[in-house]
Amino acid sequence: MRRLQHGQSAELVEHLDEFRTRLIVSVIAVAAGFAIAYIFHARVIGWLNQPLPADHRRPVTFGIAEPFMTSMKVSLAAGFALALPVVLWQVWAYLAPAFEHRLQRTLAAFVAFASGLFVLGLAFAYRVVLPAAVHFLTNYDNNLYNVQVRAQNYYSFALTVLVAIGLVFEIPIFVLALVRLRVTTSAKLRRSWRVGLAVMAVIGAALPGLDPVTTLMEMLPLMGLYLLSVGLATLLERRWFAPVPAGLLE
């Protein structure tokens, strides 16, 4: 597919045609991802069930349509995750001509870094946050209740936690972008680190999470990632805005 270059003139019809083509490619990618996820949806559901206690790993359903609808929703979510790289590439390819080539390289590096952080966030959520939250919730007052895990509620909760933690791990990208765009500086971030940590705590409390364990598990990475972001901003700011030697300007 031909991509417009920076500064290249194009008619409105050409822009609309490119938008339509990239939208169609994205829809096909999501449909293909859904088909693949549905073929393996038993494995995907088994993977999501692993954080549950051993005696709750077959969540209950109510109503004749709930098993079908639940499997469809899980497959659609997994399919979109599989197609996300293609969708993001189509969005980037459509928007890239609006930026200079040097800025395109910087944005491409940011996208690659953001993708890695998101995957790291998903792994942290699945290995640490979700098991801790599930253990707390399924054992809370279990002497008072006959605890049953409903499929659609659990999978909605699990997917929300996974996505929320994945987005939490994007904090360094947000902070570095503010410094790169000169909205703030690393010096200001270092001076106001206490305020920054307080803001991270508020964001963590506002994220999806019905229990204190999930909320705490969302707050702690936010704070740690914010401090990491300040350190990265300090290092990269010197490189981004280093004065150019006079000889290179001639």
C-alpha atoms as a PDB file:
ATOM      1  CA  MET A   1       0.000   0.000   0.000  1.00  0.00           C
ATOM      2  CA  ARG A   2       1.479   3.346  -1.037  1.00  0.00           C
ATOM      3  CA  ARG A   3       1.984   5.783   1.831  1.00  0.00           C
ATOM      4  CA  LEU A   4       2.015   9.545   1.390  1.00  0.00           C
ATOM      5  CA  GLN A   5       5.317  11.238   2.228  1.00  0.00           C
ATOM      6  CA  HIS A   6       5.849  14.310   4.385  1.00  0.00           C
ATOM      7  CA  GLY A   7       5.128  17.472   2.428  1.00  0.00           C
ATOM      8  CA  GLN A   8       3.506  15.581  -0.442  1.00  0.00           C
ATOM      9  CA  SER A   9       0.349  17.283  -1.660  1.00  0.00           C
ATOM     10  CA  ALA A  10      -2.781  15.202  -1.991  1.00  0.00           C
ATOM     11  CA  GLU A  11      -6.409  15.838  -2.818  1.00  0.00           C
ATOM     12  CA  LEU A  12      -9.148  15.283  -0.250  1.00  0.00           C
ATOM     13  CA  VAL A  13     -10.353  12.302  -2.259  1.00  0.00           C
ATOM     14  CA  GLU A  14      -6.901  10.703  -1.958  1.00  0.00           C
ATOM     15  CA  HIS A  15      -6.881  11.191   1.817  1.00  0.00           C
ATOM     16  CA  LEU A  16     -10.362   9.703   2.106  1.00  0.00           C
ATOM     17  CA  ASP A  17      -9.393   6.781  -0.135  1.00  0.00           C
ATOM     18  CA  GLU A  18      -6.301   6.049   1.984  1.00  0.00           C
ATOM     19  CA  PHE A  19      -8.361   6.315   5.180  1.00  0.00           C
ATOM     20  CA  ARG A  20     -10.954   3.887   3.807  1.00  0.00           C
ATOM     21  CA  THR A  21      -8.283   1.417   2.704  1.00  0.00           C
ATOM     22  CA  ARG A  22      -6.503   1.464   6.069  1.00  0.00           C
ATOM     23  CA  LEU A  23      -9.824   1.124   7.889  1.00  0.00           C
ATOM     24  CA  ILE A  24     -10.690  -1.931   5.792  1.00  0.00           C
ATOM     25  CA  VAL A  25      -7.269  -3.480   6.520  1.00  0.00           C
ATOM     26  CA  SER A  26      -7.802  -2.862  10.255  1.00  0.00           C
ATOM     27  CA  VAL A  27     -11.274  -4.435  10.207  1.00  0.00           C
ATOM     28  CA  ILE A  28      -9.957  -7.481   8.310  1.00  0.00           C
ATOM     29  CA  ALA A  29      -7.122  -7.818  10.846  1.00  0.00           C
ATOM     30  CA  VAL A  30      -9.587  -7.720  13.768  1.00  0.00           C
ATOM     31  CA  ALA A  31     -11.834 -10.271  12.030  1.00  0.00           C
ATOM     32  CA  ALA A  32      -8.859 -12.570  11.394  1.00  0.00           C
ATOM     33  CA  GLY A  33      -7.694 -12.138  14.994  1.00  0.00           C
ATOM     34  CA  PHE A  34     -11.189 -12.980  16.237  1.00  0.00           C
ATOM     35  CA  ALA A  35     -11.308 -16.119  14.086  1.00  0.00           C
ATOM     36  CA  ILE A  36      -7.930 -17.301  15.389  1.00  0.00           C
ATOM     37  CA  ALA A  37      -8.871 -16.482  18.989  1.00  0.00           C
ATOM     38  CA  TYR A  38     -12.178 -18.329  18.681  1.00  0.00           C
ATOM     39  CA  ILE A  39     -10.446 -21.432  17.351  1.00  0.00           C
ATOM     40  CA  PHE A  40      -8.267 -21.431  20.469  1.00  0.00           C
ATOM     41  CA  HIS A  41     -10.790 -19.846  22.848  1.00  0.00           C
ATOM     42  CA  ALA A  42     -10.725 -22.872  25.174  1.00  0.00           C
ATOM     43  CA  ARG A  43      -7.005 -22.263  25.735  1.00  0.00           C
ATOM     44  CA  VAL A  44      -7.550 -18.509  26.196  1.00  0.00           C
ATOM     45  CA  ILE A  45     -10.267 -19.142  28.791  1.00  0.00           C
ATOM     46  CA  GLY A  46      -8.089 -21.733  30.502  1.00  0.00           C
ATOM     47  CA  TRP A  47      -5.283 -19.164  30.619  1.00  0.00           C
ATOM     48  CA  LEU A  48      -7.612 -16.608  32.220  1.00  0.00           C
ATOM     49  CA  ASN A  49      -8.817 -19.236  34.714  1.00  0.00           C
ATOM     50  CA  GLN A  50      -5.341 -19.991  36.043  1.00  0.00           C
ATOM     51  CA  PRO A  51      -5.330 -17.199  38.694  1.00  0.00           C
ATOM     52  CA  LEU A  52      -8.545 -18.658  40.185  1.00  0.00           C
ATOM     53  CA  PRO A  53      -8.393 -21.103  43.109  1.00  0.00           C
ATOM     54  CA  ALA A  54      -8.188 -24.721  41.959  1.00  0.00           C
ATOM     55  CA  ASP A  55     -11.796 -25.449  42.968  1.00  0.00           C
ATOM     56  CA  HIS A  56     -13.148 -22.415  41.063  1.00  0.00           C
ATOM     57  CA  ARG A  57     -11.511 -22.892  37.671  1.00  0.00           C
ATOM     58  CA  ARG A  58     -14.798 -23.716  35.941  1.00  0.00           C
ATOM     59  CA  PRO A  59     -16.783 -20.508  36.484  1.00  0.00           C
ATOM     60  CA  VAL A  60     -20.548 -20.862  36.568  1.00  0.00           C
ATOM     61  CA  THR A  61     -22.968 -19.456  33.986  1.00  0.00           C
ATOM     62  CA  PHE A  62     -26.667 -18.597  34.247  1.00  0.00           C
ATOM     63  CA  GLY A  63     -29.006 -18.803  31.287  1.00  0.00           C
ATOM     64  CA  ILE A  64     -28.767 -20.775  28.069  1.00  0.00           C
ATOM     65  CA  ALA A  65     -27.038 -18.006  26.066  1.00  0.00           C
ATOM     66  CA  GLU A  66     -24.400 -17.007  28.607  1.00  0.00           C
ATOM     67  CA  PRO A  67     -21.767 -19.656  27.689  1.00  0.00           C
ATOM     68  CA  PHE A  68     -21.980 -18.670  24.006  1.00  0.00           C
ATOM     69  CA  MET A  69     -21.942 -14.909  24.659  1.00  0.00           C
ATOM     70  CA  THR A  70     -19.103 -15.183  27.169  1.00  0.00           C
ATOM     71  CA  SER A  71     -16.924 -17.195  24.757  1.00  0.00           C
ATOM     72  CA  MET A  72     -17.686 -14.654  22.012  1.00  0.00           C
ATOM     73  CA  LYS A  73     -16.688 -11.694  24.198  1.00  0.00           C
ATOM     74  CA  VAL A  74     -13.453 -13.324  25.323  1.00  0.00           C
ATOM     75  CA  SER A  75     -12.614 -14.284  21.729  1.00  0.00           C
ATOM     76  CA  LEU A  76     -13.320 -10.750  20.509  1.00  0.00           C
ATOM     77  CA  ALA A  77     -11.074  -9.227  23.192  1.00  0.00           C
ATOM     78  CA  ALA A  78      -8.287 -11.696  22.415  1.00  0.00           C
ATOM     79  CA  GLY A  79      -8.758 -11.170  18.681  1.00  0.00           C
ATOM     80  CA  PHE A  80      -8.466  -7.412  19.033  1.00  0.00           C
ATOM     81  CA  ALA A  81      -5.272  -7.889  21.065  1.00  0.00           C
ATOM     82  CA  LEU A  82      -3.847 -10.053  18.269  1.00  0.00           C
ATOM     83  CA  ALA A  83      -4.795  -7.475  15.636  1.00  0.00           C
ATOM     84  CA  LEU A  84      -3.617  -4.457  17.648  1.00  0.00           C
ATOM     85  CA  PRO A  85      -0.123  -4.260  16.041  1.00  0.00           C
ATOM     86  CA  VAL A  86      -1.709  -4.134  12.587  1.00  0.00           C
ATOM     87  CA  VAL A  87      -4.296  -1.555  13.675  1.00  0.00           C
ATOM     88  CA  LEU A  88      -1.643   0.665  15.294  1.00  0.00           C
ATOM     89  CA  TRP A  89       0.538   0.406  12.202  1.00  0.00           C
ATOM     90  CA  GLN A  90      -2.353   1.503   9.987  1.00  0.00           C
ATOM     91  CA  VAL A  91      -3.042   4.487  12.258  1.00  0.00           C
ATOM     92  CA  TRP A  92       0.640   5.404  12.296  1.00  0.00           C
ATOM     93  CA  ALA A  93       1.017   5.023   8.527  1.00  0.00           C
ATOM     94  CA  TYR A  94      -1.962   7.318   7.962  1.00  0.00           C
ATOM     95  CA  LEU A  95      -0.726  10.025  10.373  1.00  0.00           C
ATOM     96  CA  ALA A  96       3.026   9.810   9.672  1.00  0.00           C
ATOM     97  CA  PRO A  97       3.059  12.140   6.620  1.00  0.00           C
ATOM     98  CA  ALA A  98       2.021  15.001   8.915  1.00  0.00           C
ATOM     99  CA  PHE A  99       5.401  14.805  10.709  1.00  0.00           C
ATOM    100  CA  GLU A 100       8.950  15.514   9.564  1.00  0.00           C
ATOM    101  CA  HIS A 101      11.187  12.495   8.960  1.00  0.00           C
ATOM    102  CA  ARG A 102      13.299  13.156  12.085  1.00  0.00           C
ATOM    103  CA  LEU A 103      10.185  13.377  14.248  1.00  0.00           C
ATOM    104  CA  GLN A 104       8.825  10.234  12.589  1.00  0.00           C
ATOM    105  CA  ARG A 105      11.855   8.292  13.849  1.00  0.00           C
ATOM    106  CA  THR A 106      11.353   9.660  17.352  1.00  0.00           C
ATOM    107  CA  LEU A 107       7.664   8.741  17.337  1.00  0.00           C
ATOM    108  CA  ALA A 108       8.438   5.276  15.985  1.00  0.00           C
ATOM    109  CA  ALA A 109      10.859   4.753  18.890  1.00  0.00           C
ATOM    110  CA  PHE A 110       8.178   5.930  21.319  1.00  0.00           C
ATOM    111  CA  VAL A 111       5.642   3.498  19.813  1.00  0.00           C
ATOM    112  CA  ALA A 112       8.090   0.582  20.094  1.00  0.00           C
ATOM    113  CA  PHE A 113       8.917   1.521  23.704  1.00  0.00           C
ATOM    114  CA  ALA A 114       5.212   1.900  24.535  1.00  0.00           C
ATOM    115  CA  SER A 115       4.423  -1.516  23.055  1.00  0.00           C
ATOM    116  CA  GLY A 116       7.151  -3.137  25.156  1.00  0.00           C
ATOM    117  CA  LEU A 117       5.892  -1.413  28.309  1.00  0.00           C
ATOM    118  CA  PHE A 118       2.316  -2.515  27.612  1.00  0.00           C
ATOM    119  CA  VAL A 119       3.371  -6.149  27.215  1.00  0.00           C
ATOM    120  CA  LEU A 120       5.416  -5.868  30.416  1.00  0.00           C
ATOM    121  CA  GLY A 121       2.346  -4.432  32.162  1.00  0.00           C
ATOM    122  CA  LEU A 122       0.179  -7.319  30.972  1.00  0.00           C
ATOM    123  CA  ALA A 123       2.718  -9.837  32.266  1.00  0.00           C
ATOM    124  CA  PHE A 124       2.912  -8.067  35.640  1.00  0.00           C
ATOM    125  CA  ALA A 125      -0.886  -7.939  35.889  1.00  0.00           C
ATOM    126  CA  TYR A 126      -1.292 -11.616  35.035  1.00  0.00           C
ATOM    127  CA  ARG A 127       1.512 -12.899  37.262  1.00  0.00           C
ATOM    128  CA  VAL A 128       1.182 -10.584  40.268  1.00  0.00           C
ATOM    129  CA  VAL A 129      -1.907  -8.354  40.389  1.00  0.00           C
ATOM    130  CA  LEU A 130      -4.655 -10.697  39.182  1.00  0.00           C
ATOM    131  CA  PRO A 131      -3.735 -13.696  41.386  1.00  0.00           C
ATOM    132  CA  ALA A 132      -3.441 -11.459  44.473  1.00  0.00           C
ATOM    133  CA  ALA A 133      -6.773  -9.746  43.761  1.00  0.00           C
ATOM    134  CA  VAL A 134      -8.558 -13.038  43.044  1.00  0.00           C
ATOM    135  CA  HIS A 135      -7.157 -14.655  46.197  1.00  0.00           C
ATOM    136  CA  PHE A 136      -8.318 -11.715  48.328  1.00  0.00           C
ATOM    137  CA  LEU A 137     -11.792 -11.519  46.794  1.00  0.00           C
ATOM    138  CA  THR A 138     -12.587 -15.244  46.789  1.00  0.00           C
ATOM    139  CA  ASN A 139     -11.453 -15.657  50.399  1.00  0.00           C
ATOM    140  CA  TYR A 140     -13.063 -12.538  51.822  1.00  0.00           C
ATOM    141  CA  ASP A 141     -15.726 -13.598  54.361  1.00  0.00           C
ATOM    142  CA  ASN A 142     -15.852 -17.040  52.760  1.00  0.00           C
ATOM    143  CA  ASN A 143     -17.173 -18.367  56.072  1.00  0.00           C
ATOM    144  CA  LEU A 144     -20.303 -16.271  55.506  1.00  0.00           C
ATOM    145  CA  TYR A 145     -20.923 -16.929  51.815  1.00  0.00           C
ATOM    146  CA  ASN A 146     -21.040 -19.787  49.358  1.00  0.00           C
ATOM    147  CA  VAL A 147     -18.513 -18.217  46.992  1.00  0.00           C
ATOM    148  CA  GLN A 148     -19.190 -18.946  43.315  1.00  0.00           C
ATOM    149  CA  VAL A 149     -17.377 -17.331  40.392  1.00  0.00           C
ATOM    150  CA  ARG A 150     -19.641 -16.228  37.545  1.00  0.00           C
ATOM    151  CA  ALA A 151     -17.958 -16.499  34.165  1.00  0.00           C
ATOM    152  CA  GLN A 152     -18.943 -13.199  32.535  1.00  0.00           C
ATOM    153  CA  ASN A 153     -18.235 -11.175  35.693  1.00  0.00           C
ATOM    154  CA  TYR A 154     -14.843 -12.773  36.263  1.00  0.00           C
ATOM    155  CA  TYR A 155     -13.645 -12.398  32.659  1.00  0.00           C
ATOM    156  CA  SER A 156     -14.773  -8.763  32.567  1.00  0.00           C
ATOM    157  CA  PHE A 157     -12.886  -8.150  35.811  1.00  0.00           C
ATOM    158  CA  ALA A 158      -9.763 -10.005  34.610  1.00  0.00           C
ATOM    159  CA  LEU A 159      -9.649  -8.213  31.237  1.00  0.00           C
ATOM    160  CA  THR A 160     -10.208  -4.823  32.900  1.00  0.00           C
ATOM    161  CA  VAL A 161      -7.332  -5.430  35.330  1.00  0.00           C
ATOM    162  CA  LEU A 162      -5.025  -6.579  32.524  1.00  0.00           C
ATOM    163  CA  VAL A 163      -5.775  -3.549  30.342  1.00  0.00           C
ATOM    164  CA  ALA A 164      -5.630  -1.113  33.281  1.00  0.00           C
ATOM    165  CA  ILE A 165      -2.201  -2.321  34.406  1.00  0.00           C
ATOM    166  CA  GLY A 166      -0.993  -2.355  30.803  1.00  0.00           C
ATOM    167  CA  LEU A 167      -1.993   1.309  30.492  1.00  0.00           C
ATOM    168  CA  VAL A 168      -0.438   2.127  33.880  1.00  0.00           C
ATOM    169  CA  PHE A 169       2.909   0.969  32.504  1.00  0.00           C
ATOM    170  CA  GLU A 170       2.636   3.679  29.828  1.00  0.00           C
ATOM    171  CA  ILE A 171       3.380   6.416  32.391  1.00  0.00           C
ATOM    172  CA  PRO A 172       7.047   6.753  31.263  1.00  0.00           C
ATOM    173  CA  ILE A 173       5.877   7.448  27.706  1.00  0.00           C
ATOM    174  CA  PHE A 174       3.531  10.196  28.902  1.00  0.00           C
ATOM    175  CA  VAL A 175       6.197  11.851  31.073  1.00  0.00           C
ATOM    176  CA  LEU A 176       8.914  11.618  28.396  1.00  0.00           C
ATOM    177  CA  ALA A 177       6.520  13.059  25.807  1.00  0.00           C
ATOM    178  CA  LEU A 178       5.872  16.084  28.050  1.00  0.00           C
ATOM    179  CA  VAL A 179       9.615  16.665  28.380  1.00  0.00           C
ATOM    180  CA  ARG A 180      10.251  16.098  24.658  1.00  0.00           C
ATOM    181  CA  LEU A 181       7.536  18.633  23.772  1.00  0.00           C
ATOM    182  CA  ARG A 182       9.002  21.050  26.350  1.00  0.00           C
ATOM    183  CA  VAL A 183       5.776  21.205  28.317  1.00  0.00           C
ATOM    184  CA  THR A 184       7.922  20.576  31.387  1.00  0.00           C
ATOM    185  CA  THR A 185      11.549  19.806  32.227  1.00  0.00           C
ATOM    186  CA  SER A 186      13.331  17.092  34.154  1.00  0.00           C
ATOM    187  CA  ALA A 187      14.466  19.693  36.706  1.00  0.00           C
ATOM    188  CA  LYS A 188      10.849  20.622  37.479  1.00  0.00           C
ATOM    189  CA  LEU A 189       9.934  16.950  37.762  1.00  0.00           C
ATOM    190  CA  ARG A 190      12.761  16.336  40.243  1.00  0.00           C
ATOM    191  CA  ARG A 191      11.772  19.326  42.364  1.00  0.00           C
ATOM    192  CA  SER A 192       8.107  18.283  42.524  1.00  0.00           C
ATOM    193  CA  TRP A 193       8.575  14.513  42.893  1.00  0.00           C
ATOM    194  CA  ARG A 194       6.388  14.399  46.022  1.00  0.00           C
ATOM    195  CA  VAL A 195       3.524  16.033  44.138  1.00  0.00           C
ATOM    196  CA  GLY A 196       4.054  13.602  41.275  1.00  0.00           C
ATOM    197  CA  LEU A 197       3.840  10.598  43.591  1.00  0.00           C
ATOM    198  CA  ALA A 198       0.651  11.994  45.142  1.00  0.00           C
ATOM    199  CA  VAL A 199      -0.873  12.377  41.667  1.00  0.00           C
ATOM    200  CA  MET A 200       0.115   8.788  40.830  1.00  0.00           C
ATOM    201  CA  ALA A 201      -1.586   7.601  44.042  1.00  0.00           C
ATOM    202  CA  VAL A 202      -4.786   9.425  43.085  1.00  0.00           C
ATOM    203  CA  ILE A 203      -4.698   7.940  39.567  1.00  0.00           C
ATOM    204  CA  GLY A 204      -4.108   4.481  41.021  1.00  0.00           C
ATOM    205  CA  ALA A 205      -7.101   4.866  43.322  1.00  0.00           C
ATOM    206  CA  ALA A 206      -9.263   5.973  40.375  1.00  0.00           C
ATOM    207  CA  LEU A 207      -8.348   2.973  38.213  1.00  0.00           C
ATOM    208  CA  PRO A 208     -10.716  -0.011  38.015  1.00  0.00           C
ATOM    209  CA  GLY A 209     -10.441  -2.146  41.131  1.00  0.00           C
ATOM    210  CA  LEU A 210     -13.075  -3.165  43.629  1.00  0.00           C
ATOM    211  CA  ASP A 211     -10.709  -4.240  46.375  1.00  0.00           C
ATOM    212  CA  PRO A 212      -7.759  -2.721  48.268  1.00  0.00           C
ATOM    213  CA  VAL A 213      -5.341  -5.332  46.935  1.00  0.00           C
ATOM    214  CA  THR A 214      -5.967  -4.421  43.287  1.00  0.00           C
ATOM    215  CA  THR A 215      -5.859  -0.710  44.102  1.00  0.00           C
ATOM    216  CA  LEU A 216      -2.545  -1.058  45.961  1.00  0.00           C
ATOM    217  CA  MET A 217      -1.099  -3.190  43.170  1.00  0.00           C
ATOM    218  CA  GLU A 218      -2.025  -0.438  40.707  1.00  0.00           C
ATOM    219  CA  MET A 219      -0.629   2.379  42.850  1.00  0.00           C
ATOM    220  CA  LEU A 220       2.810   0.892  43.516  1.00  0.00           C
ATOM    221  CA  PRO A 221       3.814   0.372  39.846  1.00  0.00           C
ATOM    222  CA  LEU A 222       2.545   3.865  39.046  1.00  0.00           C
ATOM    223  CA  MET A 223       4.814   5.410  41.660  1.00  0.00           C
ATOM    224  CA  GLY A 224       7.804   3.310  40.658  1.00  0.00           C
ATOM    225  CA  LEU A 225       7.297   4.028  36.967  1.00  0.00           C
ATOM    226  CA  TYR A 226       6.948   7.744  37.668  1.00  0.00           C
ATOM    227  CA  LEU A 227      10.315   7.814  39.452  1.00  0.00           C
ATOM    228  CA  LEU A 228      11.833   5.811  36.579  1.00  0.00           C
ATOM    229  CA  SER A 229      10.343   8.317  34.144  1.00  0.00           C
ATOM    230  CA  VAL A 230      12.000  11.220  35.942  1.00  0.00           C
ATOM    231  CA  GLY A 231      15.366   9.457  35.732  1.00  0.00           C
ATOM    232  CA  LEU A 232      14.920   8.678  32.020  1.00  0.00           C
ATOM    233  CA  ALA A 233      13.804  12.240  31.319  1.00  0.00           C
ATOM    234  CA  THR A 234      16.951  13.569  33.021  1.00  0.00           C
ATOM    235  CA  LEU A 235      19.178  11.403  30.831  1.00  0.00           C
ATOM    236  CA  LEU A 236      17.345  11.909  27.542  1.00  0.00           C
ATOM    237  CA  GLU A 237      16.733  15.640  27.932  1.00  0.00           C
ATOM    238  CA  ARG A 238      20.475  16.284  27.719  1.00  0.00           C
ATOM    239  CA  ARG A 239      20.600  14.404  24.441  1.00  0.00           C
ATOM    240  CA  TRP A 240      17.441  15.883  22.944  1.00  0.00           C
ATOM    241  CA  PHE A 241      18.327  19.508  23.644  1.00  0.00           C
ATOM    242  CA  ALA A 242      22.132  19.409  23.581  1.00  0.00           C
ATOM    243  CA  PRO A 243      23.558  22.437  21.782  1.00  0.00           C
ATOM    244  CA  VAL A 244      24.656  21.712  18.226  1.00  0.00           C
ATOM    245  CA  PRO A 245      28.359  22.472  17.572  1.00  0.00           C
ATOM    246  CA  ALA A 246      28.839  25.539  15.397  1.00  0.00           C
ATOM    247  CA  GLY A 247      30.709  23.521  12.751  1.00  0.00           C
ATOM    248  CA  LEU A 248      27.663  21.323  12.142  1.00  0.00           C
ATOM    249  CA  LEU A 249      25.463  24.301  11.392  1.00  0.00           C
ATOM    250  CA  GLU A 250      27.600  25.461   8.462  1.00  0.00           C
END
